[in-house]
Amino acid sequence: MSDTSPADPVGEAFEAQRDRLRAVAYRMLGSRADAEDVVQEAWLRLSRQGTETIDNLAGWLTTVVGRISLDVLRSRRARPEASYDDRLAELVVTADDSLAPEDDVALADSVGVALLVVLESLRPSERLAFVLHDLFAVPFDEIGRILGRSTDAAKMLASRARGKVRANPQEPGRPRAAGREQREVVQAFLAAAHRGDFEGLLRVLDPEVKLTVDTSDGVVVVLGATKVAAGATARVAAGAAARGRAVLVNGLPGFVSWREDGTPLSVMAFTVVDGRIVAISTVIDPARLASADLPDPA
C-alpha cells in the first residue's frame, strides 16, 4: 500500500491511475506481488519528483512502470533459478476428451491466465512492446523511448510477439481448445520422456524452452532444452507416477499424473509455438494439488 492521503493532490492523482498501472505491471510480470512492488516503486519516484514538471501524468507513470517491469524481467533472465511468485496462480484443469470443446465455460474463463503463460515465452522487450501496445494502446514512439529503441524497432518487437501469441492455441479474446498439432507435440514429448529418449525430447523442445516448477518450497525455473530434457528423463526414471491423463490446463494442452494410491503427483501445462514446446509450467506442490479441482484419473 502507498502512503498517499486523500488531502494530497499528488497522491490523489496517483490513486486515480493505480488500478491501470497494476494491470500493466501484472500483464508484464505475471505476478501480483511483483506488480504491487512495481506500482509502489512508481509512487515513490512520483512523490520524489512531484507533478509540476509532468505534462502527461498517465503517460509518465506508464513509462516508469514499463521501465521498472522491464528491469524485473531482465533480472529474471539473468537469474533463471530464482524463484518468483504467482506462476499459474489460478489452476483451471479440465478433461481433454474432445477435439473441439469450444463451449466449455471453464475454457472461456481461463483465457486471461493462458495468455500469461504465453507471455512467459516472450523476450522482455517483446513482452513490453506487446503488452503496452496491444493490451493498453500505448503509442509505439513511447514504447521506443522506454526500450531505448526507434519507433520502427518497437513496432517490429510487438509484431514478433504478436506472432508468437497468435500461434498459441489460446489467442486473446478467442477461447478455443488446444489444436491437434499442439496435442501431438505434447504427446511426442511425453512418449519420449517415458522411453528415456533424450534426442526425441530435444526434437520437440525449443532451444530456449522455459520450465517453471511450482514446489512446496517455492518456484524454480530452468532454461534451455538440454536441462529440461535431462530433468524430464530423470523424473520418469524415478517411476513415481502410476496413472495419467491428458487435460487442458488454463486452456493449454496439459497432463495430470497420479500415484498408485490416487494422490495427484503433478499437473503440467505446455505452450507450443511453431511445432516446438517453448514453455512448460508444472505444479508439484502437494498443497496446491490437493486444493485443485482435478478430473478423475483415466
C-alpha atoms as a PDB file:
ATOM      1  CA  MET A   1       0.000   0.000   0.000  1.00  0.00           C
ATOM      2  CA  SER A   2       1.201   3.521  -0.738  1.00  0.00           C
ATOM      3  CA  ASP A   3       1.418   6.327   1.804  1.00  0.00           C
ATOM      4  CA  THR A   4      -0.916   8.590  -0.155  1.00  0.00           C
ATOM      5  CA  SER A   5      -3.584  10.517   1.725  1.00  0.00           C
ATOM      6  CA  PRO A   6      -6.922  11.962   0.493  1.00  0.00           C
ATOM      7  CA  ALA A   7      -5.691  15.536   1.102  1.00  0.00           C
ATOM      8  CA  ASP A   8      -2.570  15.032  -1.011  1.00  0.00           C
ATOM      9  CA  PRO A   9      -3.150  16.154  -4.629  1.00  0.00           C
ATOM     10  CA  VAL A  10      -0.181  14.142  -5.902  1.00  0.00           C
ATOM     11  CA  GLY A  11      -1.471  11.114  -4.053  1.00  0.00           C
ATOM     12  CA  GLU A  12      -4.972  11.610  -5.427  1.00  0.00           C
ATOM     13  CA  ALA A  13      -3.620  11.847  -8.966  1.00  0.00           C
ATOM     14  CA  PHE A  14      -1.649   8.649  -8.456  1.00  0.00           C
ATOM     15  CA  GLU A  15      -4.542   6.750  -6.893  1.00  0.00           C
ATOM     16  CA  ALA A  16      -6.639   7.552  -9.961  1.00  0.00           C
ATOM     17  CA  GLN A  17      -4.045   5.659 -12.028  1.00  0.00           C
ATOM     18  CA  ARG A  18      -3.287   2.832  -9.572  1.00  0.00           C
ATOM     19  CA  ASP A  19      -5.613   0.133 -10.956  1.00  0.00           C
ATOM     20  CA  ARG A  20      -4.441   0.686 -14.533  1.00  0.00           C
ATOM     21  CA  LEU A  21      -0.787   0.669 -13.508  1.00  0.00           C
ATOM     22  CA  ARG A  22      -1.279  -2.530 -11.517  1.00  0.00           C
ATOM     23  CA  ALA A  23      -2.903  -4.144 -14.574  1.00  0.00           C
ATOM     24  CA  VAL A  24       0.028  -3.091 -16.792  1.00  0.00           C
ATOM     25  CA  ALA A  25       2.589  -4.462 -14.318  1.00  0.00           C
ATOM     26  CA  TYR A  26       0.676  -7.722 -13.823  1.00  0.00           C
ATOM     27  CA  ARG A  27       0.483  -8.370 -17.574  1.00  0.00           C
ATOM     28  CA  MET A  28       4.187  -7.587 -17.820  1.00  0.00           C
ATOM     29  CA  LEU A  29       5.271  -9.767 -14.901  1.00  0.00           C
ATOM     30  CA  GLY A  30       2.533 -12.357 -14.319  1.00  0.00           C
ATOM     31  CA  SER A  31       2.902 -11.901 -10.564  1.00  0.00           C
ATOM     32  CA  ARG A  32       0.538  -9.922  -8.380  1.00  0.00           C
ATOM     33  CA  ALA A  33       3.179  -9.446  -5.685  1.00  0.00           C
ATOM     34  CA  ASP A  34       5.755  -8.177  -8.193  1.00  0.00           C
ATOM     35  CA  ALA A  35       3.120  -5.914  -9.792  1.00  0.00           C
ATOM     36  CA  GLU A  36       2.335  -4.344  -6.410  1.00  0.00           C
ATOM     37  CA  ASP A  37       6.051  -3.768  -5.806  1.00  0.00           C
ATOM     38  CA  VAL A  38       6.424  -2.069  -9.188  1.00  0.00           C
ATOM     39  CA  VAL A  39       3.443   0.202  -8.604  1.00  0.00           C
ATOM     40  CA  GLN A  40       4.775   1.135  -5.163  1.00  0.00           C
ATOM     41  CA  GLU A  41       8.165   1.991  -6.671  1.00  0.00           C
ATOM     42  CA  ALA A  42       6.413   4.160  -9.281  1.00  0.00           C
ATOM     43  CA  TRP A  43       4.643   6.023  -6.460  1.00  0.00           C
ATOM     44  CA  LEU A  44       7.951   6.607  -4.664  1.00  0.00           C
ATOM     45  CA  ARG A  45       9.502   8.043  -7.803  1.00  0.00           C
ATOM     46  CA  LEU A  46       6.488  10.300  -8.396  1.00  0.00           C
ATOM     47  CA  SER A  47       6.456  11.514  -4.788  1.00  0.00           C
ATOM     48  CA  ARG A  48      10.121  12.479  -5.080  1.00  0.00           C
ATOM     49  CA  GLN A  49       9.636  14.344  -8.347  1.00  0.00           C
ATOM     50  CA  GLY A  50       6.150  15.841  -7.986  1.00  0.00           C
ATOM     51  CA  THR A  51       3.759  16.581 -10.845  1.00  0.00           C
ATOM     52  CA  GLU A  52       4.746  20.185 -11.648  1.00  0.00           C
ATOM     53  CA  THR A  53       7.138  19.215 -14.453  1.00  0.00           C
ATOM     54  CA  ILE A  54       4.991  16.354 -15.830  1.00  0.00           C
ATOM     55  CA  ASP A  55       2.712  17.274 -18.733  1.00  0.00           C
ATOM     56  CA  ASN A  56       1.052  13.860 -19.107  1.00  0.00           C
ATOM     57  CA  LEU A  57       0.888  12.072 -15.765  1.00  0.00           C
ATOM     58  CA  ALA A  58      -0.718   8.888 -17.110  1.00  0.00           C
ATOM     59  CA  GLY A  59       1.938   8.594 -19.806  1.00  0.00           C
ATOM     60  CA  TRP A  60       4.766   9.350 -17.369  1.00  0.00           C
ATOM     61  CA  LEU A  61       3.571   6.712 -14.920  1.00  0.00           C
ATOM     62  CA  THR A  62       3.119   4.137 -17.687  1.00  0.00           C
ATOM     63  CA  THR A  63       6.677   4.801 -18.815  1.00  0.00           C
ATOM     64  CA  VAL A  64       8.013   4.401 -15.278  1.00  0.00           C
ATOM     65  CA  VAL A  65       6.061   1.183 -14.667  1.00  0.00           C
ATOM     66  CA  GLY A  66       7.203  -0.151 -18.054  1.00  0.00           C
ATOM     67  CA  ARG A  67      10.861   0.548 -17.303  1.00  0.00           C
ATOM     68  CA  ILE A  68      10.735  -0.961 -13.820  1.00  0.00           C
ATOM     69  CA  SER A  69       8.922  -4.044 -15.126  1.00  0.00           C
ATOM     70  CA  LEU A  70      11.478  -4.414 -17.908  1.00  0.00           C
ATOM     71  CA  ASP A  71      14.266  -4.343 -15.327  1.00  0.00           C
ATOM     72  CA  VAL A  72      12.498  -7.078 -13.346  1.00  0.00           C
ATOM     73  CA  LEU A  73      12.081  -9.258 -16.449  1.00  0.00           C
ATOM     74  CA  ARG A  74      15.731  -8.831 -17.415  1.00  0.00           C
ATOM     75  CA  SER A  75      16.786  -9.674 -13.862  1.00  0.00           C
ATOM     76  CA  ARG A  76      14.783 -12.896 -14.069  1.00  0.00           C
ATOM     77  CA  ARG A  77      16.559 -13.822 -17.306  1.00  0.00           C
ATOM     78  CA  ALA A  78      19.912 -13.169 -15.655  1.00  0.00           C
ATOM     79  CA  ARG A  79      18.944 -15.320 -12.626  1.00  0.00           C
ATOM     80  CA  PRO A  80      16.771 -18.103 -14.112  1.00  0.00           C
ATOM     81  CA  GLU A  81      16.946 -20.257 -10.988  1.00  0.00           C
ATOM     82  CA  ALA A  82      15.494 -17.500  -8.801  1.00  0.00           C
ATOM     83  CA  SER A  83      12.007 -18.121  -7.506  1.00  0.00           C
ATOM     84  CA  TYR A  84       9.191 -15.689  -8.156  1.00  0.00           C
ATOM     85  CA  ASP A  85       5.564 -15.903  -7.314  1.00  0.00           C
ATOM     86  CA  ASP A  86       2.194 -16.454  -8.882  1.00  0.00           C
ATOM     87  CA  ARG A  87       3.067 -18.806 -11.725  1.00  0.00           C
ATOM     88  CA  LEU A  88      -0.201 -20.420 -12.797  1.00  0.00           C
ATOM     89  CA  ALA A  89      -1.827 -18.682  -9.835  1.00  0.00           C
ATOM     90  CA  GLU A  90      -5.260 -19.826 -10.944  1.00  0.00           C
ATOM     91  CA  LEU A  91      -5.292 -23.503 -11.865  1.00  0.00           C
ATOM     92  CA  VAL A  92      -8.207 -24.426 -14.161  1.00  0.00           C
ATOM     93  CA  VAL A  93      -7.914 -28.103 -15.161  1.00  0.00           C
ATOM     94  CA  THR A  94     -10.485 -29.822 -17.390  1.00  0.00           C
ATOM     95  CA  ALA A  95     -10.532 -33.255 -19.014  1.00  0.00           C
ATOM     96  CA  ASP A  96      -9.369 -33.174 -22.636  1.00  0.00           C
ATOM     97  CA  ASP A  97     -11.801 -35.742 -24.024  1.00  0.00           C
ATOM     98  CA  SER A  98     -12.924 -33.830 -27.109  1.00  0.00           C
ATOM     99  CA  LEU A  99     -11.162 -32.398 -30.127  1.00  0.00           C
ATOM    100  CA  ALA A 100     -13.260 -29.221 -30.008  1.00  0.00           C
ATOM    101  CA  PRO A 101     -14.684 -28.293 -26.593  1.00  0.00           C
ATOM    102  CA  GLU A 102     -15.233 -24.630 -27.588  1.00  0.00           C
ATOM    103  CA  ASP A 103     -18.352 -24.396 -25.450  1.00  0.00           C
ATOM    104  CA  ASP A 104     -16.658 -25.363 -22.210  1.00  0.00           C
ATOM    105  CA  VAL A 105     -17.178 -22.438 -19.839  1.00  0.00           C
ATOM    106  CA  ALA A 106     -14.000 -23.294 -17.941  1.00  0.00           C
ATOM    107  CA  LEU A 107     -12.000 -22.689 -21.102  1.00  0.00           C
ATOM    108  CA  ALA A 108     -13.519 -19.262 -21.610  1.00  0.00           C
ATOM    109  CA  ASP A 109     -12.782 -18.343 -18.001  1.00  0.00           C
ATOM    110  CA  SER A 110      -9.143 -19.312 -18.391  1.00  0.00           C
ATOM    111  CA  VAL A 111      -8.278 -17.069 -21.364  1.00  0.00           C
ATOM    112  CA  GLY A 112      -6.508 -14.441 -19.248  1.00  0.00           C
ATOM    113  CA  VAL A 113      -4.438 -16.998 -17.370  1.00  0.00           C
ATOM    114  CA  ALA A 114      -3.487 -18.792 -20.586  1.00  0.00           C
ATOM    115  CA  LEU A 115      -2.295 -15.515 -22.084  1.00  0.00           C
ATOM    116  CA  LEU A 116       0.019 -15.002 -19.112  1.00  0.00           C
ATOM    117  CA  VAL A 117       1.526 -18.425 -19.758  1.00  0.00           C
ATOM    118  CA  VAL A 118       2.180 -17.465 -23.392  1.00  0.00           C
ATOM    119  CA  LEU A 119       3.686 -14.120 -22.376  1.00  0.00           C
ATOM    120  CA  GLU A 120       6.245 -16.021 -20.275  1.00  0.00           C
ATOM    121  CA  SER A 121       7.744 -17.356 -23.525  1.00  0.00           C
ATOM    122  CA  LEU A 122       8.447 -13.856 -24.891  1.00  0.00           C
ATOM    123  CA  ARG A 123      11.695 -11.970 -24.511  1.00  0.00           C
ATOM    124  CA  PRO A 124      11.458  -8.979 -22.128  1.00  0.00           C
ATOM    125  CA  SER A 125      11.478  -6.350 -24.895  1.00  0.00           C
ATOM    126  CA  GLU A 126       8.894  -8.297 -26.922  1.00  0.00           C
ATOM    127  CA  ARG A 127       6.657  -8.680 -23.908  1.00  0.00           C
ATOM    128  CA  LEU A 128       6.809  -4.986 -23.070  1.00  0.00           C
ATOM    129  CA  ALA A 129       6.049  -3.913 -26.637  1.00  0.00           C
ATOM    130  CA  PHE A 130       3.141  -6.338 -26.959  1.00  0.00           C
ATOM    131  CA  VAL A 131       1.598  -5.648 -23.547  1.00  0.00           C
ATOM    132  CA  LEU A 132       1.839  -1.867 -23.741  1.00  0.00           C
ATOM    133  CA  HIS A 133       0.662  -1.514 -27.345  1.00  0.00           C
ATOM    134  CA  ASP A 134      -1.783  -4.351 -27.918  1.00  0.00           C
ATOM    135  CA  LEU A 135      -3.313  -4.516 -24.440  1.00  0.00           C
ATOM    136  CA  PHE A 136      -3.035  -0.904 -23.255  1.00  0.00           C
ATOM    137  CA  ALA A 137      -2.845   1.118 -26.513  1.00  0.00           C
ATOM    138  CA  VAL A 138       0.441   2.871 -25.680  1.00  0.00           C
ATOM    139  CA  PRO A 139       1.867   4.507 -28.847  1.00  0.00           C
ATOM    140  CA  PHE A 140       4.961   2.928 -30.372  1.00  0.00           C
ATOM    141  CA  ASP A 141       7.008   6.120 -30.051  1.00  0.00           C
ATOM    142  CA  GLU A 142       6.528   5.999 -26.261  1.00  0.00           C
ATOM    143  CA  ILE A 143       7.370   2.287 -26.203  1.00  0.00           C
ATOM    144  CA  GLY A 144      10.505   3.010 -28.193  1.00  0.00           C
ATOM    145  CA  ARG A 145      11.604   5.588 -25.620  1.00  0.00           C
ATOM    146  CA  ILE A 146      11.105   3.081 -22.788  1.00  0.00           C
ATOM    147  CA  LEU A 147      13.191   0.482 -24.628  1.00  0.00           C
ATOM    148  CA  GLY A 148      15.779   2.919 -25.936  1.00  0.00           C
ATOM    149  CA  ARG A 149      14.851   1.832 -29.460  1.00  0.00           C
ATOM    150  CA  SER A 150      13.371   3.522 -32.522  1.00  0.00           C
ATOM    151  CA  THR A 151       9.635   3.589 -33.184  1.00  0.00           C
ATOM    152  CA  ASP A 152      10.086   1.118 -36.052  1.00  0.00           C
ATOM    153  CA  ALA A 153      12.070  -1.231 -33.816  1.00  0.00           C
ATOM    154  CA  ALA A 154       9.291  -1.124 -31.214  1.00  0.00           C
ATOM    155  CA  LYS A 155       6.750  -1.974 -33.923  1.00  0.00           C
ATOM    156  CA  MET A 156       8.886  -4.915 -35.035  1.00  0.00           C
ATOM    157  CA  LEU A 157       9.174  -6.247 -31.487  1.00  0.00           C
ATOM    158  CA  ALA A 158       5.405  -6.046 -30.997  1.00  0.00           C
ATOM    159  CA  SER A 159       4.814  -7.745 -34.339  1.00  0.00           C
ATOM    160  CA  ARG A 160       7.170 -10.579 -33.438  1.00  0.00           C
ATOM    161  CA  ALA A 161       5.476 -11.023 -30.064  1.00  0.00           C
ATOM    162  CA  ARG A 162       2.028 -10.890 -31.676  1.00  0.00           C
ATOM    163  CA  GLY A 163       3.012 -13.712 -33.997  1.00  0.00           C
ATOM    164  CA  LYS A 164       4.079 -15.895 -31.077  1.00  0.00           C
ATOM    165  CA  VAL A 165       0.885 -15.157 -29.155  1.00  0.00           C
ATOM    166  CA  ARG A 166      -1.335 -15.863 -32.167  1.00  0.00           C
ATOM    167  CA  ALA A 167       0.478 -19.119 -32.813  1.00  0.00           C
ATOM    168  CA  ASN A 168      -0.567 -20.282 -29.373  1.00  0.00           C
ATOM    169  CA  PRO A 169      -3.878 -22.174 -29.172  1.00  0.00           C
ATOM    170  CA  GLN A 170      -5.319 -19.685 -26.674  1.00  0.00           C
ATOM    171  CA  GLU A 171      -5.379 -16.459 -28.692  1.00  0.00           C
ATOM    172  CA  PRO A 172      -6.536 -13.437 -26.661  1.00  0.00           C
ATOM    173  CA  GLY A 173     -10.242 -12.821 -26.961  1.00  0.00           C
ATOM    174  CA  ARG A 174     -10.967 -16.092 -28.760  1.00  0.00           C
ATOM    175  CA  PRO A 175     -11.225 -19.046 -26.392  1.00  0.00           C
ATOM    176  CA  ARG A 176     -10.767 -22.347 -28.116  1.00  0.00           C
ATOM    177  CA  ALA A 177      -9.279 -25.717 -27.431  1.00  0.00           C
ATOM    178  CA  ALA A 178      -5.708 -26.731 -27.895  1.00  0.00           C
ATOM    179  CA  GLY A 179      -5.308 -27.755 -31.532  1.00  0.00           C
ATOM    180  CA  ARG A 180      -4.403 -31.169 -32.876  1.00  0.00           C
ATOM    181  CA  GLU A 181      -0.850 -30.112 -33.665  1.00  0.00           C
ATOM    182  CA  GLN A 182      -0.263 -28.857 -30.119  1.00  0.00           C
ATOM    183  CA  ARG A 183      -1.628 -32.123 -28.687  1.00  0.00           C
ATOM    184  CA  GLU A 184       0.589 -34.197 -30.960  1.00  0.00           C
ATOM    185  CA  VAL A 185       3.701 -32.255 -29.904  1.00  0.00           C
ATOM    186  CA  VAL A 186       2.841 -32.741 -26.230  1.00  0.00           C
ATOM    187  CA  GLN A 187       2.158 -36.447 -26.776  1.00  0.00           C
ATOM    188  CA  ALA A 188       5.510 -36.792 -28.530  1.00  0.00           C
ATOM    189  CA  PHE A 189       7.210 -35.109 -25.561  1.00  0.00           C
ATOM    190  CA  LEU A 190       5.515 -37.403 -23.041  1.00  0.00           C
ATOM    191  CA  ALA A 191       6.271 -40.513 -25.090  1.00  0.00           C
ATOM    192  CA  ALA A 192       9.932 -39.563 -25.475  1.00  0.00           C
ATOM    193  CA  ALA A 193      10.191 -38.856 -21.741  1.00  0.00           C
ATOM    194  CA  HIS A 194       8.618 -42.230 -20.938  1.00  0.00           C
ATOM    195  CA  ARG A 195      11.113 -44.024 -23.221  1.00  0.00           C
ATOM    196  CA  GLY A 196      14.025 -42.030 -21.868  1.00  0.00           C
ATOM    197  CA  ASP A 197      14.597 -40.793 -25.435  1.00  0.00           C
ATOM    198  CA  PHE A 198      16.793 -37.720 -24.893  1.00  0.00           C
ATOM    199  CA  GLU A 199      17.149 -36.927 -28.605  1.00  0.00           C
ATOM    200  CA  GLY A 200      13.409 -37.311 -29.071  1.00  0.00           C
ATOM    201  CA  LEU A 201      12.828 -34.723 -26.346  1.00  0.00           C
ATOM    202  CA  LEU A 202      15.240 -32.280 -27.967  1.00  0.00           C
ATOM    203  CA  ARG A 203      13.322 -32.577 -31.262  1.00  0.00           C
ATOM    204  CA  VAL A 204      10.126 -31.196 -29.714  1.00  0.00           C
ATOM    205  CA  LEU A 205      11.661 -28.669 -27.302  1.00  0.00           C
ATOM    206  CA  ASP A 206      12.517 -25.140 -28.352  1.00  0.00           C
ATOM    207  CA  PRO A 207      16.230 -24.484 -27.664  1.00  0.00           C
ATOM    208  CA  GLU A 208      15.218 -21.688 -25.252  1.00  0.00           C
ATOM    209  CA  VAL A 209      12.344 -23.589 -23.616  1.00  0.00           C
ATOM    210  CA  LYS A 210      11.446 -22.418 -20.123  1.00  0.00           C
ATOM    211  CA  LEU A 211      10.362 -24.857 -17.415  1.00  0.00           C
ATOM    212  CA  THR A 212       8.639 -23.417 -14.341  1.00  0.00           C
ATOM    213  CA  VAL A 213       8.104 -25.803 -11.408  1.00  0.00           C
ATOM    214  CA  ASP A 214       5.843 -24.819  -8.520  1.00  0.00           C
ATOM    215  CA  THR A 215       7.104 -26.760  -5.480  1.00  0.00           C
ATOM    216  CA  SER A 216       6.256 -26.679  -1.785  1.00  0.00           C
ATOM    217  CA  ASP A 217       9.452 -24.648  -1.271  1.00  0.00           C
ATOM    218  CA  GLY A 218       8.718 -22.055  -3.963  1.00  0.00           C
ATOM    219  CA  VAL A 219       9.020 -21.680  -7.717  1.00  0.00           C
ATOM    220  CA  VAL A 220      12.052 -22.997  -9.601  1.00  0.00           C
ATOM    221  CA  VAL A 221      12.856 -22.019 -13.186  1.00  0.00           C
ATOM    222  CA  VAL A 222      15.025 -23.990 -15.632  1.00  0.00           C
ATOM    223  CA  LEU A 223      16.023 -22.628 -19.043  1.00  0.00           C
ATOM    224  CA  GLY A 224      17.223 -24.497 -22.111  1.00  0.00           C
ATOM    225  CA  ALA A 225      16.275 -27.686 -23.940  1.00  0.00           C
ATOM    226  CA  THR A 226      19.214 -29.750 -22.666  1.00  0.00           C
ATOM    227  CA  LYS A 227      18.481 -29.099 -18.985  1.00  0.00           C
ATOM    228  CA  VAL A 228      14.728 -29.557 -19.418  1.00  0.00           C
ATOM    229  CA  ALA A 229      15.153 -32.836 -21.329  1.00  0.00           C
ATOM    230  CA  ALA A 230      17.584 -34.187 -18.730  1.00  0.00           C
ATOM    231  CA  GLY A 231      15.138 -33.373 -15.970  1.00  0.00           C
ATOM    232  CA  ALA A 232      12.226 -35.000 -17.815  1.00  0.00           C
ATOM    233  CA  THR A 233      14.023 -38.318 -18.275  1.00  0.00           C
ATOM    234  CA  ALA A 234      15.184 -38.299 -14.649  1.00  0.00           C
ATOM    235  CA  ARG A 235      11.639 -37.761 -13.348  1.00  0.00           C
ATOM    236  CA  VAL A 236      10.270 -40.643 -15.424  1.00  0.00           C
ATOM    237  CA  ALA A 237      13.122 -42.881 -14.285  1.00  0.00           C
ATOM    238  CA  ALA A 238      12.047 -42.217 -10.693  1.00  0.00           C
ATOM    239  CA  GLY A 239       8.842 -44.083 -11.514  1.00  0.00           C
ATOM    240  CA  ALA A 240       6.538 -42.331  -9.026  1.00  0.00           C
ATOM    241  CA  ALA A 241       3.638 -41.830 -11.471  1.00  0.00           C
ATOM    242  CA  ALA A 242       1.242 -44.772 -11.843  1.00  0.00           C
ATOM    243  CA  ARG A 243      -1.552 -43.169 -13.869  1.00  0.00           C
ATOM    244  CA  GLY A 244      -2.068 -40.099 -16.007  1.00  0.00           C
ATOM    245  CA  ARG A 245      -4.376 -38.432 -18.475  1.00  0.00           C
ATOM    246  CA  ALA A 246      -4.405 -35.592 -20.987  1.00  0.00           C
ATOM    247  CA  VAL A 247      -6.079 -32.407 -19.764  1.00  0.00           C
ATOM    248  CA  LEU A 248      -6.438 -28.739 -20.570  1.00  0.00           C
ATOM    249  CA  VAL A 249      -4.704 -26.507 -18.036  1.00  0.00           C
ATOM    250  CA  ASN A 250      -5.917 -22.925 -18.256  1.00  0.00           C
ATOM    251  CA  GLY A 251      -6.822 -23.694 -21.865  1.00  0.00           C
ATOM    252  CA  LEU A 252      -3.390 -25.121 -22.739  1.00  0.00           C
ATOM    253  CA  PRO A 253      -2.638 -28.769 -23.535  1.00  0.00           C
ATOM    254  CA  GLY A 254      -1.513 -30.499 -20.389  1.00  0.00           C
ATOM    255  CA  PHE A 255      -1.142 -33.685 -18.412  1.00  0.00           C
ATOM    256  CA  VAL A 256      -2.033 -34.799 -14.879  1.00  0.00           C
ATOM    257  CA  SER A 257      -0.319 -37.742 -13.187  1.00  0.00           C
ATOM    258  CA  TRP A 258      -1.303 -39.648 -10.054  1.00  0.00           C
ATOM    259  CA  ARG A 259       0.450 -42.025  -7.675  1.00  0.00           C
ATOM    260  CA  GLU A 260      -0.751 -45.596  -7.210  1.00  0.00           C
ATOM    261  CA  ASP A 261      -2.933 -44.591  -4.248  1.00  0.00           C
ATOM    262  CA  GLY A 262      -4.726 -41.933  -6.325  1.00  0.00           C
ATOM    263  CA  THR A 263      -2.864 -38.951  -4.852  1.00  0.00           C
ATOM    264  CA  PRO A 264      -2.121 -36.338  -7.540  1.00  0.00           C
ATOM    265  CA  LEU A 265       1.575 -36.151  -8.370  1.00  0.00           C
ATOM    266  CA  SER A 266       1.806 -33.301 -10.867  1.00  0.00           C
ATOM    267  CA  VAL A 267      -0.031 -31.009 -13.278  1.00  0.00           C
ATOM    268  CA  MET A 268       1.784 -29.871 -16.416  1.00  0.00           C
ATOM    269  CA  ALA A 269       0.812 -27.215 -18.967  1.00  0.00           C
ATOM    270  CA  PHE A 270       2.588 -26.826 -22.325  1.00  0.00           C
ATOM    271  CA  THR A 271       2.901 -23.804 -24.593  1.00  0.00           C
ATOM    272  CA  VAL A 272       3.579 -24.886 -28.188  1.00  0.00           C
ATOM    273  CA  VAL A 273       4.672 -22.444 -30.907  1.00  0.00           C
ATOM    274  CA  ASP A 274       5.563 -23.494 -34.461  1.00  0.00           C
ATOM    275  CA  GLY A 275       5.696 -27.174 -33.534  1.00  0.00           C
ATOM    276  CA  ARG A 276       8.062 -26.729 -30.588  1.00  0.00           C
ATOM    277  CA  ILE A 277       7.417 -26.538 -26.849  1.00  0.00           C
ATOM    278  CA  VAL A 278       8.517 -23.073 -25.695  1.00  0.00           C
ATOM    279  CA  ALA A 279       7.252 -23.225 -22.107  1.00  0.00           C
ATOM    280  CA  ILE A 280       6.264 -25.873 -19.567  1.00  0.00           C
ATOM    281  CA  SER A 281       4.538 -24.954 -16.312  1.00  0.00           C
ATOM    282  CA  THR A 282       4.469 -27.724 -13.703  1.00  0.00           C
ATOM    283  CA  VAL A 283       2.802 -27.857 -10.290  1.00  0.00           C
ATOM    284  CA  ILE A 284       4.100 -30.476  -7.856  1.00  0.00           C
ATOM    285  CA  ASP A 285       3.273 -28.665  -4.616  1.00  0.00           C
ATOM    286  CA  PRO A 286       1.118 -31.205  -2.698  1.00  0.00           C
ATOM    287  CA  ALA A 287      -0.961 -28.474  -1.042  1.00  0.00           C
ATOM    288  CA  ARG A 288      -1.848 -26.830  -4.358  1.00  0.00           C
ATOM    289  CA  LEU A 289      -2.589 -30.170  -5.981  1.00  0.00           C
ATOM    290  CA  ALA A 290      -4.821 -31.219  -3.088  1.00  0.00           C
ATOM    291  CA  SER A 291      -6.838 -27.998  -3.356  1.00  0.00           C
ATOM    292  CA  ALA A 292      -7.158 -28.114  -7.172  1.00  0.00           C
ATOM    293  CA  ASP A 293     -10.353 -29.376  -8.825  1.00  0.00           C
ATOM    294  CA  LEU A 294      -8.843 -32.150 -10.927  1.00  0.00           C
ATOM    295  CA  PRO A 295     -10.659 -34.654 -13.165  1.00  0.00           C
ATOM    296  CA  ASP A 296     -10.715 -38.292 -12.134  1.00  0.00           C
ATOM    297  CA  PRO A 297      -7.789 -40.477 -13.247  1.00  0.00           C
ATOM    298  CA  ALA A 298      -8.398 -42.032 -16.660  1.00  0.00           C
END
